[in-house]
Structure formats: structure tokens, C-alpha cells
C-alpha atoms as a PDB file:
ATOM      1  CA  MET A   1      -8.030  -9.846-114.416  1.00  0.00           C
ATOM      2  CA  THR A   2     -10.840  -7.701-113.202  1.00  0.00           C
ATOM      3  CA  ASP A   3     -13.694  -6.803-115.536  1.00  0.00           C
ATOM      4  CA  LEU A   4     -13.749  -2.961-115.322  1.00  0.00           C
ATOM      5  CA  ASN A   5     -17.232  -2.935-117.014  1.00  0.00           C
ATOM      6  CA  GLU A   6     -18.690  -5.103-114.228  1.00  0.00           C
ATOM      7  CA  ILE A   7     -17.157  -2.937-111.599  1.00  0.00           C
ATOM      8  CA  MET A   8     -18.659   0.216-113.289  1.00  0.00           C
ATOM      9  CA  LYS A   9     -22.065  -1.465-113.463  1.00  0.00           C
ATOM     10  CA  GLN A  10     -21.989  -2.242-109.795  1.00  0.00           C
ATOM     11  CA  ALA A  11     -20.901   1.290-108.999  1.00  0.00           C
ATOM     12  CA  LYS A  12     -23.820   2.608-111.074  1.00  0.00           C
ATOM     13  CA  LYS A  13     -26.279   0.338-109.216  1.00  0.00           C
ATOM     14  CA  MET A  14     -24.810   1.348-105.865  1.00  0.00           C
ATOM     15  CA  GLN A  15     -25.194   5.019-106.713  1.00  0.00           C
ATOM     16  CA  GLU A  16     -28.798   4.432-107.730  1.00  0.00           C
ATOM     17  CA  GLN A  17     -29.543   2.640-104.483  1.00  0.00           C
ATOM     18  CA  PHE A  18     -27.865   5.325-102.509  1.00  0.00           C
ATOM     19  CA  GLN A  19     -29.899   8.051-104.300  1.00  0.00           C
ATOM     20  CA  ASP A  20     -33.185   5.953-103.520  1.00  0.00           C
ATOM     21  CA  ALA A  21     -32.255   5.658 -99.837  1.00  0.00           C
ATOM     22  CA  GLN A  22     -31.426   9.262 -99.545  1.00  0.00           C
ATOM     23  CA  SER A  23     -34.944  10.185-101.027  1.00  0.00           C
ATOM     24  CA  GLU A  24     -36.674   7.840 -98.616  1.00  0.00           C
ATOM     25  CA  LEU A  25     -34.756   9.262 -95.667  1.00  0.00           C
ATOM     26  CA  LYS A  26     -35.835  12.810 -96.508  1.00  0.00           C
ATOM     27  CA  ASN A  27     -39.434  11.719 -96.146  1.00  0.00           C
ATOM     28  CA  LEU A  28     -38.792  10.004 -92.887  1.00  0.00           C
ATOM     29  CA  LYS A  29     -40.151  11.393 -89.759  1.00  0.00           C
ATOM     30  CA  VAL A  30     -38.897  10.642 -86.137  1.00  0.00           C
ATOM     31  CA  LEU A  31     -40.072  11.588 -82.753  1.00  0.00           C
ATOM     32  CA  GLY A  32     -37.545  12.733 -80.069  1.00  0.00           C
ATOM     33  CA  GLU A  33     -38.563  12.842 -76.618  1.00  0.00           C
ATOM     34  CA  SER A  34     -37.288  14.060 -73.167  1.00  0.00           C
ATOM     35  CA  GLY A  35     -38.455  14.230 -69.656  1.00  0.00           C
ATOM     36  CA  ALA A  36     -40.367  10.825 -69.821  1.00  0.00           C
ATOM     37  CA  GLY A  37     -42.403  12.025 -72.832  1.00  0.00           C
ATOM     38  CA  LEU A  38     -43.136  15.420 -71.384  1.00  0.00           C
ATOM     39  CA  VAL A  39     -41.415  17.136 -74.394  1.00  0.00           C
ATOM     40  CA  LYS A  40     -41.824  15.648 -77.982  1.00  0.00           C
ATOM     41  CA  ILE A  41     -40.226  16.894 -81.134  1.00  0.00           C
ATOM     42  CA  SER A  42     -41.198  15.599 -84.540  1.00  0.00           C
ATOM     43  CA  MET A  43     -38.339  15.975 -87.079  1.00  0.00           C
ATOM     44  CA  THR A  44     -38.098  15.188 -90.788  1.00  0.00           C
ATOM     45  CA  GLY A  45     -35.271  13.305 -92.501  1.00  0.00           C
ATOM     46  CA  ARG A  46     -33.933  16.754 -93.532  1.00  0.00           C
ATOM     47  CA  HIS A  47     -33.634  17.696 -89.738  1.00  0.00           C
ATOM     48  CA  ASP A  48     -36.556  20.171 -89.974  1.00  0.00           C
ATOM     49  CA  VAL A  49     -38.636  20.290 -86.893  1.00  0.00           C
ATOM     50  CA  SER A  50     -42.139  19.859 -87.861  1.00  0.00           C
ATOM     51  CA  SER A  51     -43.787  20.009 -84.419  1.00  0.00           C
ATOM     52  CA  VAL A  52     -43.171  20.676 -80.693  1.00  0.00           C
ATOM     53  CA  SER A  53     -45.380  19.300 -77.996  1.00  0.00           C
ATOM     54  CA  LEU A  54     -44.920  20.340 -74.377  1.00  0.00           C
ATOM     55  CA  ASP A  55     -46.995  18.744 -71.575  1.00  0.00           C
ATOM     56  CA  GLN A  56     -49.103  21.250 -69.769  1.00  0.00           C
ATOM     57  CA  SER A  57     -47.527  20.471 -66.513  1.00  0.00           C
ATOM     58  CA  LEU A  58     -44.080  21.848 -67.817  1.00  0.00           C
ATOM     59  CA  LEU A  59     -45.534  25.385 -68.105  1.00  0.00           C
ATOM     60  CA  SER A  60     -45.057  25.797 -64.304  1.00  0.00           C
ATOM     61  CA  GLU A  61     -41.435  24.861 -64.542  1.00  0.00           C
ATOM     62  CA  ASP A  62     -38.482  27.331 -64.701  1.00  0.00           C
ATOM     63  CA  LYS A  63     -37.675  28.491 -68.147  1.00  0.00           C
ATOM     64  CA  GLU A  64     -34.245  26.880 -68.119  1.00  0.00           C
ATOM     65  CA  VAL A  65     -35.793  23.402 -67.294  1.00  0.00           C
ATOM     66  CA  ILE A  66     -38.106  23.731 -70.256  1.00  0.00           C
ATOM     67  CA  GLU A  67     -35.117  24.749 -72.471  1.00  0.00           C
ATOM     68  CA  ASP A  68     -33.005  21.858 -71.391  1.00  0.00           C
ATOM     69  CA  LEU A  69     -35.789  19.350 -72.149  1.00  0.00           C
ATOM     70  CA  VAL A  70     -36.499  20.835 -75.579  1.00  0.00           C
ATOM     71  CA  ALA A  71     -32.774  20.709 -76.357  1.00  0.00           C
ATOM     72  CA  ALA A  72     -32.620  17.006 -75.158  1.00  0.00           C
ATOM     73  CA  ALA A  73     -35.694  16.120 -77.266  1.00  0.00           C
ATOM     74  CA  VAL A  74     -34.167  17.637 -80.292  1.00  0.00           C
ATOM     75  CA  ASN A  75     -30.836  15.722 -79.623  1.00  0.00           C
ATOM     76  CA  ASP A  76     -32.952  12.553 -79.294  1.00  0.00           C
ATOM     77  CA  ALA A  77     -34.645  13.144 -82.630  1.00  0.00           C
ATOM     78  CA  VAL A  78     -31.180  13.866 -84.253  1.00  0.00           C
ATOM     79  CA  ARG A  79     -29.604  10.661 -82.878  1.00  0.00           C
ATOM     80  CA  LYS A  80     -32.623   8.613 -84.146  1.00  0.00           C
ATOM     81  CA  LEU A  81     -32.241  10.068 -87.520  1.00  0.00           C
ATOM     82  CA  GLU A  82     -28.547   9.315 -87.591  1.00  0.00           C
ATOM     83  CA  GLU A  83     -29.247   5.758 -86.576  1.00  0.00           C
ATOM     84  CA  LYS A  84     -31.832   5.376 -89.370  1.00  0.00           C
ATOM     85  CA  ASN A  85     -29.296   6.865 -91.877  1.00  0.00           C
ATOM     86  CA  LYS A  86     -26.555   4.467 -90.783  1.00  0.00           C
ATOM     87  CA  GLU A  87     -29.023   1.477 -91.084  1.00  0.00           C
ATOM     88  CA  ALA A  88     -30.206   2.612 -94.602  1.00  0.00           C
ATOM     89  CA  LEU A  89     -26.946   3.523 -95.989  1.00  0.00           C
ATOM     90  CA  GLY A  90     -24.435   1.332 -94.182  1.00  0.00           C
ATOM     91  CA  GLY A  91     -25.498  -1.914 -95.637  1.00  0.00           C
ATOM     92  CA  MET A  92     -25.042  -0.706 -99.204  1.00  0.00           C
ATOM     93  CA  ALA A  93     -21.215  -0.924 -99.265  1.00  0.00           C
ATOM     94  CA  GLY A  94     -21.515  -4.612 -98.431  1.00  0.00           C
ATOM     95  CA  ASN A  95     -23.484  -5.176-101.685  1.00  0.00           C
ATOM     96  CA  PHE A  96     -20.699  -3.767-103.617  1.00  0.00           C
ATOM     97  CA  LYS A  97     -18.417  -6.670-104.582  1.00  0.00           C
ATOM     98  CA  LEU A  98     -14.840  -5.839-105.528  1.00  0.00           C
ATOM     99  CA  PRO A  99     -12.242  -8.508-106.187  1.00  0.00           C
ATOM    100  CA  ALA A 100      -9.825  -8.910-103.313  1.00  0.00           C
ATOM    101  CA  ASP A 101      -6.864  -7.711-105.387  1.00  0.00           C
ATOM    102  CA  PHE A 102      -8.765  -4.516-106.662  1.00  0.00           C
ATOM    103  CA  LYS A 103      -7.127  -1.330-105.670  1.00  0.00           C
ATOM    104  CA  PHE A 104      -8.708   2.064-106.113  1.00  0.00           C
ATOM    105  CA  PRO A 105      -6.518   4.627-108.043  1.00  0.00           C
ATOM    106  CA  PHE A 106      -6.484   7.004-105.049  1.00  0.00           C
END
């Protein structure tokens, strides 16, 4: 027989760990790049862009080239954040030990 109190304790602990990880991720900063570093975008864990850096040499390029490089750098930053989220939150489910015969009621 499964001890429901123990399962509830584990669920509460997992919820607290999840909330801690979310708080840490909000404060995280990543750097997205494109064009071999010609464009750099700093982004917070909340997906807010905090800075944009364009190499001086880009200013002679066509507007469309610059726009594409900025979009690519933003996408790079978003992918890096998603990877950090997956790393931080993905391992948590493994810490939650349920009996093999336990079935959720949904």
C-alpha cells in the first residue's frame, strides 16, 4: 500500500524546488550571437532583451542583412534559454519517486 502522506510530502518538495528553479531562471542572462559575433543580444530569463550590440562593420550592410542577423541572434538567445530551462527543470521529475503501481487519478 502506498503512503499518501509520503507522496504529498514529495509533491510539496518538488513544487518548492520548481519555484526555486523558476526564480533562478528569471535572473539568468544569456548571450545570443549571429554573424560570427557581429551581432550580440543579451536576454534575461524572462525573455527580455537587455542589450543589443552591432559591430561597426555591419552599418555599411543592407538593412535586410542587419535585420536577419538581429533575428538570428534573438533566436540563438531564446534557444539558449530554452536549453537552460530544460536542464534546470528536467531533472526534477526524476527526484519524485512514485511506487511502480501508483496511478494518478487523471
